PDB file of N, CA and C in Angstrom:
ATOM      1  N   UNK A   1    -155.873 100.049 -90.257  1.00  0.00           N
ATOM      2  CA  UNK A   1    -156.425  99.853 -91.579  1.00  0.00           C
ATOM      3  C   UNK A   1    -155.709 100.715 -92.612  1.00  0.00           C
ATOM      4  N   UNK A   2    -155.225 101.850 -92.191  1.00  0.00           N
ATOM      5  CA  UNK A   2    -154.615 102.767 -93.140  1.00  0.00           C
ATOM      6  C   UNK A   2    -153.280 102.233 -93.672  1.00  0.00           C
ATOM      7  N   UNK A   3    -152.459 101.656 -92.814  1.00  0.00           N
ATOM      8  CA  UNK A   3    -151.155 101.132 -93.225  1.00  0.00           C
ATOM      9  C   UNK A   3    -151.183  99.613 -93.150  1.00  0.00           C
ATOM     10  N   UNK A   4    -151.940  98.985 -94.039  1.00  0.00           N
ATOM     11  CA  UNK A   4    -152.143  97.540 -93.948  1.00  0.00           C
ATOM     12  C   UNK A   4    -150.913  96.741 -94.344  1.00  0.00           C
ATOM     13  N   UNK A   5    -149.964  97.324 -95.051  1.00  0.00           N
ATOM     14  CA  UNK A   5    -148.738  96.614 -95.425  1.00  0.00           C
ATOM     15  C   UNK A   5    -147.584  96.909 -94.467  1.00  0.00           C
ATOM     16  N   UNK A   6    -147.845  97.624 -93.380  1.00  0.00           N
ATOM     17  CA  UNK A   6    -146.763  97.986 -92.469  1.00  0.00           C
ATOM     18  C   UNK A   6    -146.244  96.770 -91.690  1.00  0.00           C
ATOM     19  N   UNK A   7    -147.133  95.910 -91.216  1.00  0.00           N
ATOM     20  CA  UNK A   7    -146.679  94.716 -90.477  1.00  0.00           C
ATOM     21  C   UNK A   7    -145.803  93.806 -91.334  1.00  0.00           C
ATOM     22  N   UNK A   8    -146.225  93.481 -92.581  1.00  0.00           N
ATOM     23  CA  UNK A   8    -145.318  92.674 -93.414  1.00  0.00           C
ATOM     24  C   UNK A   8    -143.997  93.395 -93.703  1.00  0.00           C
ATOM     25  N   UNK A   9    -144.056  94.719 -93.872  1.00  0.00           N
ATOM     26  CA  UNK A   9    -142.834  95.485 -94.114  1.00  0.00           C
ATOM     27  C   UNK A   9    -141.889  95.430 -92.930  1.00  0.00           C
ATOM     28  N   UNK A  10    -142.443  95.548 -91.726  1.00  0.00           N
ATOM     29  CA  UNK A  10    -141.612  95.446 -90.529  1.00  0.00           C
ATOM     30  C   UNK A  10    -141.038  94.039 -90.377  1.00  0.00           C
ATOM     31  N   UNK A  11    -141.817  93.035 -90.751  1.00  0.00           N
ATOM     32  CA  UNK A  11    -141.317  91.663 -90.684  1.00  0.00           C
ATOM     33  C   UNK A  11    -140.138  91.467 -91.630  1.00  0.00           C
ATOM     34  N   UNK A  12    -140.237  92.020 -92.834  1.00  0.00           N
ATOM     35  CA  UNK A  12    -139.133  91.916 -93.793  1.00  0.00           C
ATOM     36  C   UNK A  12    -137.914  92.669 -93.274  1.00  0.00           C
ATOM     37  N   UNK A  13    -138.134  93.862 -92.710  1.00  0.00           N
ATOM     38  CA  UNK A  13    -137.011  94.648 -92.183  1.00  0.00           C
ATOM     39  C   UNK A  13    -136.326  93.912 -91.030  1.00  0.00           C
ATOM     40  N   UNK A  14    -137.111  93.327 -90.134  1.00  0.00           N
ATOM     41  CA  UNK A  14    -136.513  92.573 -89.025  1.00  0.00           C
ATOM     42  C   UNK A  14    -135.814  91.311 -89.524  1.00  0.00           C
ATOM     43  N   UNK A  15    -136.353  90.691 -90.558  1.00  0.00           N
ATOM     44  CA  UNK A  15    -135.682  89.542 -91.164  1.00  0.00           C
ATOM     45  C   UNK A  15    -134.334  89.932 -91.742  1.00  0.00           C
ATOM     46  N   UNK A  16    -134.292  91.081 -92.426  1.00  0.00           N
ATOM     47  CA  UNK A  16    -133.030  91.581 -92.971  1.00  0.00           C
ATOM     48  C   UNK A  16    -132.015  91.814 -91.853  1.00  0.00           C
ATOM     49  N   UNK A  17    -132.466  92.419 -90.755  1.00  0.00           N
ATOM     50  CA  UNK A  17    -131.564  92.697 -89.638  1.00  0.00           C
ATOM     51  C   UNK A  17    -131.040  91.388 -89.033  1.00  0.00           C
ATOM     52  N   UNK A  18    -131.927  90.403 -88.889  1.00  0.00           N
ATOM     53  CA  UNK A  18    -131.503  89.120 -88.334  1.00  0.00           C
ATOM     54  C   UNK A  18    -130.488  88.415 -89.220  1.00  0.00           C
ATOM     55  N   UNK A  19    -130.748  88.407 -90.522  1.00  0.00           N
ATOM     56  CA  UNK A  19    -129.803  87.779 -91.450  1.00  0.00           C
ATOM     57  C   UNK A  19    -128.473  88.514 -91.437  1.00  0.00           C
ATOM     58  N   UNK A  20    -128.539  89.847 -91.361  1.00  0.00           N
ATOM     59  CA  UNK A  20    -127.310  90.642 -91.306  1.00  0.00           C
ATOM     60  C   UNK A  20    -126.500  90.305 -90.050  1.00  0.00           C
ATOM     61  N   UNK A  21    -127.182  90.122 -88.926  1.00  0.00           N
ATOM     62  CA  UNK A  21    -126.474  89.785 -87.685  1.00  0.00           C
ATOM     63  C   UNK A  21    -125.827  88.411 -87.756  1.00  0.00           C
ATOM     64  N   UNK A  22    -126.525  87.446 -88.370  1.00  0.00           N
ATOM     65  CA  UNK A  22    -125.977  86.093 -88.482  1.00  0.00           C
ATOM     66  C   UNK A  22    -124.789  86.076 -89.443  1.00  0.00           C
ATOM     67  N   UNK A  23    -124.879  86.852 -90.517  1.00  0.00           N
ATOM     68  CA  UNK A  23    -123.830  86.852 -91.538  1.00  0.00           C
ATOM     69  C   UNK A  23    -122.682  87.809 -91.224  1.00  0.00           C
ATOM     70  N   UNK A  24    -122.753  88.502 -90.100  1.00  0.00           N
ATOM     71  CA  UNK A  24    -121.741  89.501 -89.752  1.00  0.00           C
ATOM     72  C   UNK A  24    -120.299  88.974 -89.805  1.00  0.00           C
ATOM     73  N   UNK A  25    -120.010  87.743 -89.344  1.00  0.00           N
ATOM     74  CA  UNK A  25    -118.610  87.282 -89.407  1.00  0.00           C
ATOM     75  C   UNK A  25    -118.077  87.124 -90.831  1.00  0.00           C
ATOM     76  N   UNK A  26    -118.960  86.935 -91.812  1.00  0.00           N
ATOM     77  CA  UNK A  26    -118.514  86.673 -93.178  1.00  0.00           C
ATOM     78  C   UNK A  26    -118.748  87.829 -94.134  1.00  0.00           C
ATOM     79  N   UNK A  27    -119.761  88.650 -93.845  1.00  0.00           N
ATOM     80  CA  UNK A  27    -120.123  89.737 -94.760  1.00  0.00           C
ATOM     81  C   UNK A  27    -120.169  91.037 -93.979  1.00  0.00           C
ATOM     82  N   UNK A  28    -119.450  92.042 -94.471  1.00  0.00           N
ATOM     83  CA  UNK A  28    -119.462  93.356 -93.822  1.00  0.00           C
ATOM     84  C   UNK A  28    -120.406  94.275 -94.600  1.00  0.00           C
ATOM     85  N   UNK A  29    -121.520  94.623 -93.970  1.00  0.00           N
ATOM     86  CA  UNK A  29    -122.486  95.528 -94.582  1.00  0.00           C
ATOM     87  C   UNK A  29    -122.351  96.873 -93.866  1.00  0.00           C
ATOM     88  N   UNK A  30    -122.068  97.937 -94.609  1.00  0.00           N
ATOM     89  CA  UNK A  30    -121.940  99.250 -93.959  1.00  0.00           C
ATOM     90  C   UNK A  30    -123.241  99.686 -93.279  1.00  0.00           C
ATOM     91  N   UNK A  31    -123.091 100.471 -92.224  1.00  0.00           N
ATOM     92  CA  UNK A  31    -124.251 100.925 -91.461  1.00  0.00           C
ATOM     93  C   UNK A  31    -125.198 101.730 -92.337  1.00  0.00           C
ATOM     94  N   UNK A  32    -124.668 102.562 -93.209  1.00  0.00           N
ATOM     95  CA  UNK A  32    -125.515 103.387 -94.072  1.00  0.00           C
ATOM     96  C   UNK A  32    -126.364 102.527 -95.008  1.00  0.00           C
ATOM     97  N   UNK A  33    -125.796 101.433 -95.495  1.00  0.00           N
ATOM     98  CA  UNK A  33    -126.550 100.529 -96.373  1.00  0.00           C
ATOM     99  C   UNK A  33    -127.652  99.831 -95.578  1.00  0.00           C
ATOM    100  N   UNK A  34    -127.339  99.391 -94.376  1.00  0.00           N
ATOM    101  CA  UNK A  34    -128.348  98.737 -93.539  1.00  0.00           C
ATOM    102  C   UNK A  34    -129.487  99.694 -93.207  1.00  0.00           C
ATOM    103  N   UNK A  35    -129.154 100.893 -92.796  1.00  0.00           N
ATOM    104  CA  UNK A  35    -130.168 101.880 -92.453  1.00  0.00           C
ATOM    105  C   UNK A  35    -131.013 102.247 -93.668  1.00  0.00           C
ATOM    106  N   UNK A  36    -130.363 102.435 -94.804  1.00  0.00           N
ATOM    107  CA  UNK A  36    -131.094 102.746 -96.028  1.00  0.00           C
ATOM    108  C   UNK A  36    -132.024 101.623 -96.445  1.00  0.00           C
ATOM    109  N   UNK A  37    -131.577 100.389 -96.278  1.00  0.00           N
ATOM    110  CA  UNK A  37    -132.416  99.237 -96.620  1.00  0.00           C
ATOM    111  C   UNK A  37    -133.647  99.167 -95.730  1.00  0.00           C
ATOM    112  N   UNK A  38    -133.449  99.319 -94.425  1.00  0.00           N
ATOM    113  CA  UNK A  38    -134.580  99.261 -93.493  1.00  0.00           C
ATOM    114  C   UNK A  38    -135.546 100.418 -93.753  1.00  0.00           C
ATOM    115  N   UNK A  39    -135.037 101.617 -93.913  1.00  0.00           N
ATOM    116  CA  UNK A  39    -135.912 102.762 -94.193  1.00  0.00           C
ATOM    117  C   UNK A  39    -136.626 102.602 -95.531  1.00  0.00           C
ATOM    118  N   UNK A  40    -135.935 102.067 -96.519  1.00  0.00           N
ATOM    119  CA  UNK A  40    -136.562 101.829 -97.821  1.00  0.00           C
ATOM    120  C   UNK A  40    -137.689 100.812 -97.742  1.00  0.00           C
ATOM    121  N   UNK A  41    -137.487  99.748 -96.987  1.00  0.00           N
ATOM    122  CA  UNK A  41    -138.538  98.726 -96.824  1.00  0.00           C
ATOM    123  C   UNK A  41    -139.758  99.320 -96.139  1.00  0.00           C
ATOM    124  N   UNK A  42    -139.537 100.080 -95.073  1.00  0.00           N
ATOM    125  CA  UNK A  42    -140.662 100.679 -94.349  1.00  0.00           C
ATOM    126  C   UNK A  42    -141.365 101.718 -95.214  1.00  0.00           C
ATOM    127  N   UNK A  43    -140.598 102.537 -95.920  1.00  0.00           N
ATOM    128  CA  UNK A  43    -141.210 103.539 -96.802  1.00  0.00           C
ATOM    129  C   UNK A  43    -142.012 102.876 -97.912  1.00  0.00           C
ATOM    130  N   UNK A  44    -141.475 101.803 -98.475  1.00  0.00           N
ATOM    131  CA  UNK A  44    -142.197 101.093 -99.533  1.00  0.00           C
ATOM    132  C   UNK A  44    -143.493 100.500 -99.010  1.00  0.00           C
ATOM    133  N   UNK A  45    -143.483  99.969 -97.800  1.00  0.00           N
ATOM    134  CA  UNK A  45    -144.716  99.393 -97.259  1.00  0.00           C
ATOM    135  C   UNK A  45    -145.768 100.466 -97.001  1.00  0.00           C
ATOM    136  N   UNK A  46    -145.351 101.639 -96.550  1.00  0.00           N
ATOM    137  CA  UNK A  46    -146.301 102.736 -96.341  1.00  0.00           C
ATOM    138  C   UNK A  46    -146.837 103.235 -97.675  1.00  0.00           C
ATOM    139  N   UNK A  47    -145.965 103.415 -98.655  1.00  0.00           N
ATOM    140  CA  UNK A  47    -146.407 103.889 -99.970  1.00  0.00           C
ATOM    141  C   UNK A  47    -147.321 102.882-100.651  1.00  0.00           C
ATOM    142  N   UNK A  48    -147.020 101.600-100.531  1.00  0.00           N
ATOM    143  CA  UNK A  48    -147.907 100.583-101.099  1.00  0.00           C
ATOM    144  C   UNK A  48    -149.278 100.622-100.430  1.00  0.00           C
ATOM    145  N   UNK A  49    -149.296 100.871 -99.129  1.00  0.00           N
ATOM    146  CA  UNK A  49    -150.574 100.967 -98.423  1.00  0.00           C
ATOM    147  C   UNK A  49    -151.396 102.152 -98.925  1.00  0.00           C
ATOM    148  N   UNK A  50    -150.733 103.241 -99.277  1.00  0.00           N
ATOM    149  CA  UNK A  50    -151.443 104.426 -99.767  1.00  0.00           C
ATOM    150  C   UNK A  50    -151.945 104.241-101.190  1.00  0.00           C
ATOM    151  N   UNK A  51    -151.123 103.626-102.047  1.00  0.00           N
ATOM    152  CA  UNK A  51    -151.428 103.624-103.476  1.00  0.00           C
ATOM    153  C   UNK A  51    -152.178 102.393-103.979  1.00  0.00           C
ATOM    154  N   UNK A  52    -152.152 101.302-103.254  1.00  0.00           N
ATOM    155  CA  UNK A  52    -152.897 100.118-103.679  1.00  0.00           C
ATOM    156  C   UNK A  52    -154.214 100.106-102.921  1.00  0.00           C
ATOM    157  N   UNK A  53    -155.328 100.236-103.635  1.00  0.00           N
ATOM    158  CA  UNK A  53    -156.620 100.283-102.939  1.00  0.00           C
ATOM    159  C   UNK A  53    -156.951  98.943-102.287  1.00  0.00           C
ATOM    160  N   UNK A  54    -157.628  99.026-101.163  1.00  0.00           N
ATOM    161  CA  UNK A  54    -158.031  97.816-100.451  1.00  0.00           C
ATOM    162  C   UNK A  54    -159.223  97.190-101.160  1.00  0.00           C
ATOM    163  N   UNK A  55    -159.155  95.871-101.363  1.00  0.00           N
ATOM    164  CA  UNK A  55    -160.268  95.158-101.999  1.00  0.00           C
ATOM    165  C   UNK A  55    -161.401  95.001-101.012  1.00  0.00           C
ATOM    166  N   UNK A  56    -162.632  95.257-101.466  1.00  0.00           N
ATOM    167  CA  UNK A  56    -163.758  95.045-100.546  1.00  0.00           C
ATOM    168  C   UNK A  56    -163.942  93.556-100.227  1.00  0.00           C
ATOM    169  N   UNK A  57    -164.299  93.289 -99.005  1.00  0.00           N
ATOM    170  CA  UNK A  57    -164.492  91.914 -98.564  1.00  0.00           C
ATOM    171  C   UNK A  57    -165.917  91.466 -98.848  1.00  0.00           C
ATOM    172  N   UNK A  58    -166.110  90.175 -99.082  1.00  0.00           N
ATOM    173  CA  UNK A  58    -167.477  89.689 -99.266  1.00  0.00           C
ATOM    174  C   UNK A  58    -168.323  89.948 -98.022  1.00  0.00           C
ATOM    175  N   UNK A  59    -169.540  90.376 -98.244  1.00  0.00           N
ATOM    176  CA  UNK A  59    -170.439  90.659 -97.140  1.00  0.00           C
ATOM    177  C   UNK A  59    -170.462  92.105 -96.708  1.00  0.00           C
ATOM    178  N   UNK A  60    -169.454  92.894 -97.167  1.00  0.00           N
ATOM    179  CA  UNK A  60    -169.432  94.315 -96.853  1.00  0.00           C
ATOM    180  C   UNK A  60    -170.094  95.075 -97.991  1.00  0.00           C
ATOM    181  N   UNK A  61    -170.581  96.284 -97.731  1.00  0.00           N
ATOM    182  CA  UNK A  61    -171.171  97.072 -98.813  1.00  0.00           C
ATOM    183  C   UNK A  61    -170.195  97.257 -99.961  1.00  0.00           C
ATOM    184  N   UNK A  62    -170.633  96.911-101.166  1.00  0.00           N
ATOM    185  CA  UNK A  62    -169.761  96.994-102.341  1.00  0.00           C
ATOM    186  C   UNK A  62    -168.833  95.820-102.478  1.00  0.00           C
ATOM    187  N   UNK A  63    -168.962  94.819-101.619  1.00  0.00           N
ATOM    188  CA  UNK A  63    -168.045  93.698-101.612  1.00  0.00           C
ATOM    189  C   UNK A  63    -168.554  92.470-102.353  1.00  0.00           C
ATOM    190  N   UNK A  64    -169.730  92.528-102.903  1.00  0.00           N
ATOM    191  CA  UNK A  64    -170.232  91.417-103.703  1.00  0.00           C
ATOM    192  C   UNK A  64    -170.796  90.287-102.956  1.00  0.00           C
TER     193      UNK A  64
END
């Protein structure tokens, strides 16, 4: 519950890695750029989980 955007963030990071692997014969992406991109995506998903409050669900206390 604490890191609710982590799964979508990991999915995006794995998608980036997959696209990078497929495009490897045509596009050369440096390792540092790939690592920075993956770490940035994961960090952004964790930070978004911390700073965006979770909306209460209907039927829960305070959820309307």
